[in-house]
Amino acid sequence: MTIETGRGVLTLEVTPTGDRTSRVKVDMGEPLLDAAEIPVTAPEGRVIDAACPALGAEAPWWSACGLDPRMTCVSMGNPHVVFFCRDVGRVPLDSIGPQVETHALFPRRVNVHFVQVESRGHVVMRTWERGSGITMACGTGASAVCVAGVLTGRTDRRIAADLPGGRLDLEWAESGHVFMTGPAEEVFAGTWWGGQ
């Protein structure tokens, strides 16, 4: 199956697992890593474990969640910033998410992710999605987290990412493409009536 998106056409492999359920593997394409392509206002090149003025001054929550205040930026067709910490549950996402999303550092705003590394193959993440707020899941965000983990040496190229909405399996393949696999469930059926 193919789906046209704002980034281009994505290819999906659908494997039925039940009457109304499937596992779907999506080729998310290659990440964009140059600051100008993301975009993020930074020196030319990649933004990996870089200082982040969007967080503001050090606050008590930094130590409460074990925040590493350095950012890694990735675009999967939309901009993402990734921060690593020891306890994602202690990040005040409802206040820090919009602060980072709208900072001048990100001229098109940004999706904000906080990631807890459980092992080299397993992470837990929470997301503030630009224009939407706290979300249960974000496929492009999980893909960006996979890439950021590899770039910073924290994770392997294959990971399982636990989001509030469920688990996604990700791989940043040697080909450069990111592959995301997760569950899909039919929630409705409809008929489109064409006509003049």
Protein backbone atom coordinates (compact mmCIF):
# COMPACT_ATOMS: atom_id res chain seq x y z
CA MET A 1 0.00 0.00 0.00
CA THR A 2 1.21 3.54 -0.65
CA ILE A 3 0.04 6.76 0.99
CA GLU A 4 0.80 10.25 -0.23
CA THR A 5 1.91 12.62 2.55
CA GLY A 6 3.30 16.14 2.74
CA ARG A 7 6.79 14.64 2.59
CA GLY A 8 6.06 12.35 -0.33
CA VAL A 9 4.73 8.85 -0.94
CA LEU A 10 5.25 6.37 1.91
CA THR A 11 5.24 2.61 1.35
CA LEU A 12 3.42 0.39 3.88
CA GLU A 13 3.51 -3.38 4.37
CA VAL A 14 0.26 -4.54 5.99
CA THR A 15 0.16 -7.92 7.73
CA PRO A 16 -3.31 -8.92 9.01
CA THR A 17 -3.31 -10.26 12.57
CA GLY A 18 -7.09 -10.62 13.02
CA ASP A 19 -10.44 -9.68 11.49
CA ARG A 20 -9.94 -5.97 12.17
CA THR A 21 -6.30 -5.74 13.22
CA SER A 22 -2.95 -5.64 11.44
CA ARG A 23 0.73 -4.98 11.94
CA VAL A 24 1.93 -2.24 9.61
CA LYS A 25 5.53 -1.53 8.62
CA VAL A 26 6.10 1.94 7.16
CA ASP A 27 9.15 3.20 5.31
CA MET A 28 9.37 6.66 6.88
CA GLY A 29 12.15 7.71 4.51
CA GLU A 30 15.50 9.25 5.34
CA PRO A 31 15.86 11.75 8.18
CA LEU A 32 16.93 15.30 7.40
CA LEU A 33 19.74 16.28 9.74
CA ASP A 34 21.06 19.62 8.51
CA ALA A 35 19.97 22.54 10.72
CA ALA A 36 18.62 24.51 7.74
CA GLU A 37 16.49 21.57 6.55
CA ILE A 38 14.87 20.91 9.94
CA PRO A 39 14.76 24.00 10.43
CA VAL A 40 16.51 25.09 13.61
CA THR A 41 18.43 28.33 14.07
CA ALA A 42 21.89 26.96 14.68
CA PRO A 43 25.28 26.93 13.01
CA GLU A 44 25.32 24.99 9.77
CA GLY A 45 25.51 21.25 10.08
CA ARG A 46 23.90 18.80 12.45
CA VAL A 47 22.46 19.67 15.87
CA ILE A 48 23.49 16.75 18.09
CA ASP A 49 23.71 17.04 21.90
CA ALA A 50 23.77 20.84 21.53
CA ALA A 51 22.92 23.48 24.14
CA CYS A 52 19.24 24.46 24.05
CA PRO A 53 18.32 28.03 25.03
CA ALA A 54 14.63 27.15 24.51
CA LEU A 55 14.62 25.34 27.88
CA GLY A 56 15.42 28.57 29.72
CA ALA A 57 17.37 28.67 32.97
CA GLU A 58 17.91 25.50 34.97
CA ALA A 59 14.78 24.66 36.93
CA PRO A 60 14.06 22.20 39.79
CA TRP A 61 12.32 19.80 37.40
CA TRP A 62 15.63 19.26 35.55
CA SER A 63 17.12 17.33 38.46
CA ALA A 64 13.76 15.75 39.38
CA CYS A 65 13.60 13.99 36.01
CA GLY A 66 17.37 13.73 35.46
CA LEU A 67 17.26 15.90 32.36
CA ASP A 68 20.20 16.16 30.02
CA PRO A 69 19.46 19.70 28.75
CA ARG A 70 21.20 19.15 25.41
CA MET A 71 19.05 18.82 22.28
CA THR A 72 19.27 16.71 19.16
CA CYS A 73 17.24 17.91 16.17
CA VAL A 74 15.85 15.76 13.35
CA SER A 75 13.30 16.26 10.59
CA MET A 76 11.19 13.41 9.27
CA GLY A 77 9.40 15.84 6.97
CA ASN A 78 8.43 17.83 10.06
CA PRO A 79 10.72 19.26 12.77
CA HIS A 80 11.56 17.40 15.99
CA VAL A 81 13.72 18.16 19.02
CA VAL A 82 14.73 15.31 21.33
CA PHE A 83 15.87 15.50 24.96
CA PHE A 84 17.00 12.56 27.08
CA CYS A 85 16.24 12.15 30.79
CA ARG A 86 16.07 9.48 33.50
CA ASP A 87 12.30 9.74 34.22
CA VAL A 88 9.90 11.00 31.52
CA GLY A 89 7.03 10.84 33.99
CA ARG A 90 8.51 13.76 35.94
CA VAL A 91 8.83 16.13 32.97
CA PRO A 92 6.26 18.97 33.21
CA LEU A 93 5.33 18.47 29.56
CA ASP A 94 2.23 20.67 29.72
CA SER A 95 4.35 23.75 30.53
CA ILE A 96 7.74 23.02 28.95
CA GLY A 97 6.29 21.62 25.71
CA PRO A 98 4.70 24.87 24.48
CA GLN A 99 7.70 26.88 25.71
CA VAL A 100 10.08 24.89 23.52
CA GLU A 101 7.62 24.49 20.60
CA THR A 102 7.25 28.23 20.07
CA HIS A 103 10.80 29.36 20.84
CA ALA A 104 12.47 31.54 18.18
CA LEU A 105 15.11 28.81 17.80
CA PHE A 106 12.50 26.89 15.78
CA PRO A 107 11.14 29.14 12.99
CA ARG A 108 8.38 26.66 12.04
CA ARG A 109 7.80 25.56 15.63
CA VAL A 110 8.82 22.05 16.67
CA ASN A 111 7.58 18.73 18.05
CA VAL A 112 9.15 18.17 21.48
CA HIS A 113 10.13 14.71 22.79
CA PHE A 114 11.49 13.59 26.15
CA VAL A 115 13.05 10.14 26.14
CA GLN A 116 14.01 7.72 28.90
CA VAL A 117 16.52 5.10 27.75
CA GLU A 118 15.77 1.76 29.41
CA SER A 119 18.42 -0.11 27.40
CA ARG A 120 20.15 0.21 24.04
CA GLY A 121 17.10 -1.39 22.44
CA HIS A 122 14.24 0.09 24.49
CA VAL A 123 13.06 3.64 25.23
CA VAL A 124 10.06 5.29 26.84
CA MET A 125 8.98 8.63 25.39
CA ARG A 126 6.48 11.45 25.82
CA THR A 127 5.58 13.98 23.17
CA TRP A 128 4.36 17.54 22.90
CA GLU A 129 3.14 17.85 19.31
CA ARG A 130 3.25 21.28 17.72
CA GLY A 131 -0.22 22.73 17.38
CA SER A 132 -1.83 19.80 19.25
CA GLY A 133 -0.27 19.51 22.70
CA ILE A 134 0.42 16.30 24.60
CA THR A 135 -0.27 13.32 22.34
CA MET A 136 -0.62 9.59 22.88
CA ALA A 137 1.67 8.71 19.98
CA CYS A 138 3.67 10.29 17.17
CA GLY A 139 5.10 8.13 14.39
CA THR A 140 7.43 10.73 12.95
CA GLY A 141 8.48 11.59 16.51
CA ALA A 142 9.29 7.97 17.36
CA SER A 143 11.30 7.80 14.14
CA ALA A 144 13.19 10.97 15.11
CA VAL A 145 13.87 9.50 18.57
CA CYS A 146 15.33 6.37 16.95
CA VAL A 147 17.66 8.53 14.86
CA ALA A 148 18.60 10.79 17.79
CA GLY A 149 19.44 7.77 19.95
CA VAL A 150 21.87 6.48 17.33
CA LEU A 151 23.41 9.92 16.66
CA THR A 152 24.10 10.46 20.37
CA GLY A 153 25.34 6.90 20.97
CA ARG A 154 22.56 6.10 23.45
CA THR A 155 20.72 3.38 21.52
CA ASP A 156 21.14 0.81 18.78
CA ARG A 157 19.71 1.19 15.28
CA ARG A 158 16.74 -1.05 16.24
CA ILE A 159 14.62 -0.04 19.21
CA ALA A 160 11.22 -0.56 20.78
CA ALA A 161 9.65 2.75 21.80
CA ASP A 162 6.91 2.81 24.43
CA LEU A 163 4.54 5.76 24.03
CA PRO A 164 1.41 6.41 26.10
CA GLY A 165 -0.64 4.98 23.20
CA GLY A 166 1.39 1.78 22.80
CA ARG A 167 4.63 0.35 21.47
CA LEU A 168 6.32 1.00 18.13
CA ASP A 169 9.27 -0.92 16.73
CA LEU A 170 11.80 1.21 14.84
CA GLU A 171 14.90 0.67 12.79
CA TRP A 172 17.25 3.21 11.23
CA ALA A 173 18.53 0.88 8.54
CA GLU A 174 21.98 1.04 6.97
CA SER A 175 20.22 2.22 3.78
CA GLY A 176 19.47 5.47 5.64
CA HIS A 177 15.72 4.87 5.77
CA VAL A 178 13.79 4.65 9.03
CA PHE A 179 11.26 1.83 9.29
CA MET A 180 8.42 1.96 11.82
CA THR A 181 6.24 -1.04 12.68
CA GLY A 182 3.17 -0.94 14.88
CA PRO A 183 -0.40 -2.09 15.35
CA ALA A 184 -3.34 -0.84 13.32
CA GLU A 185 -7.01 -1.44 14.01
CA GLU A 186 -10.02 -0.82 11.79
CA VAL A 187 -12.23 1.68 13.59
CA PHE A 188 -14.87 2.36 10.93
CA ALA A 189 -15.84 1.58 7.34
CA GLY A 190 -17.49 3.97 4.92
CA THR A 191 -18.42 4.47 1.31
CA TRP A 192 -17.35 7.49 -0.68
CA TRP A 193 -20.10 8.50 -3.10
CA GLY A 194 -18.49 10.13 -6.10
CA GLY A 195 -20.58 12.12 -8.45
CA GLN A 196 -20.85 15.22 -10.49
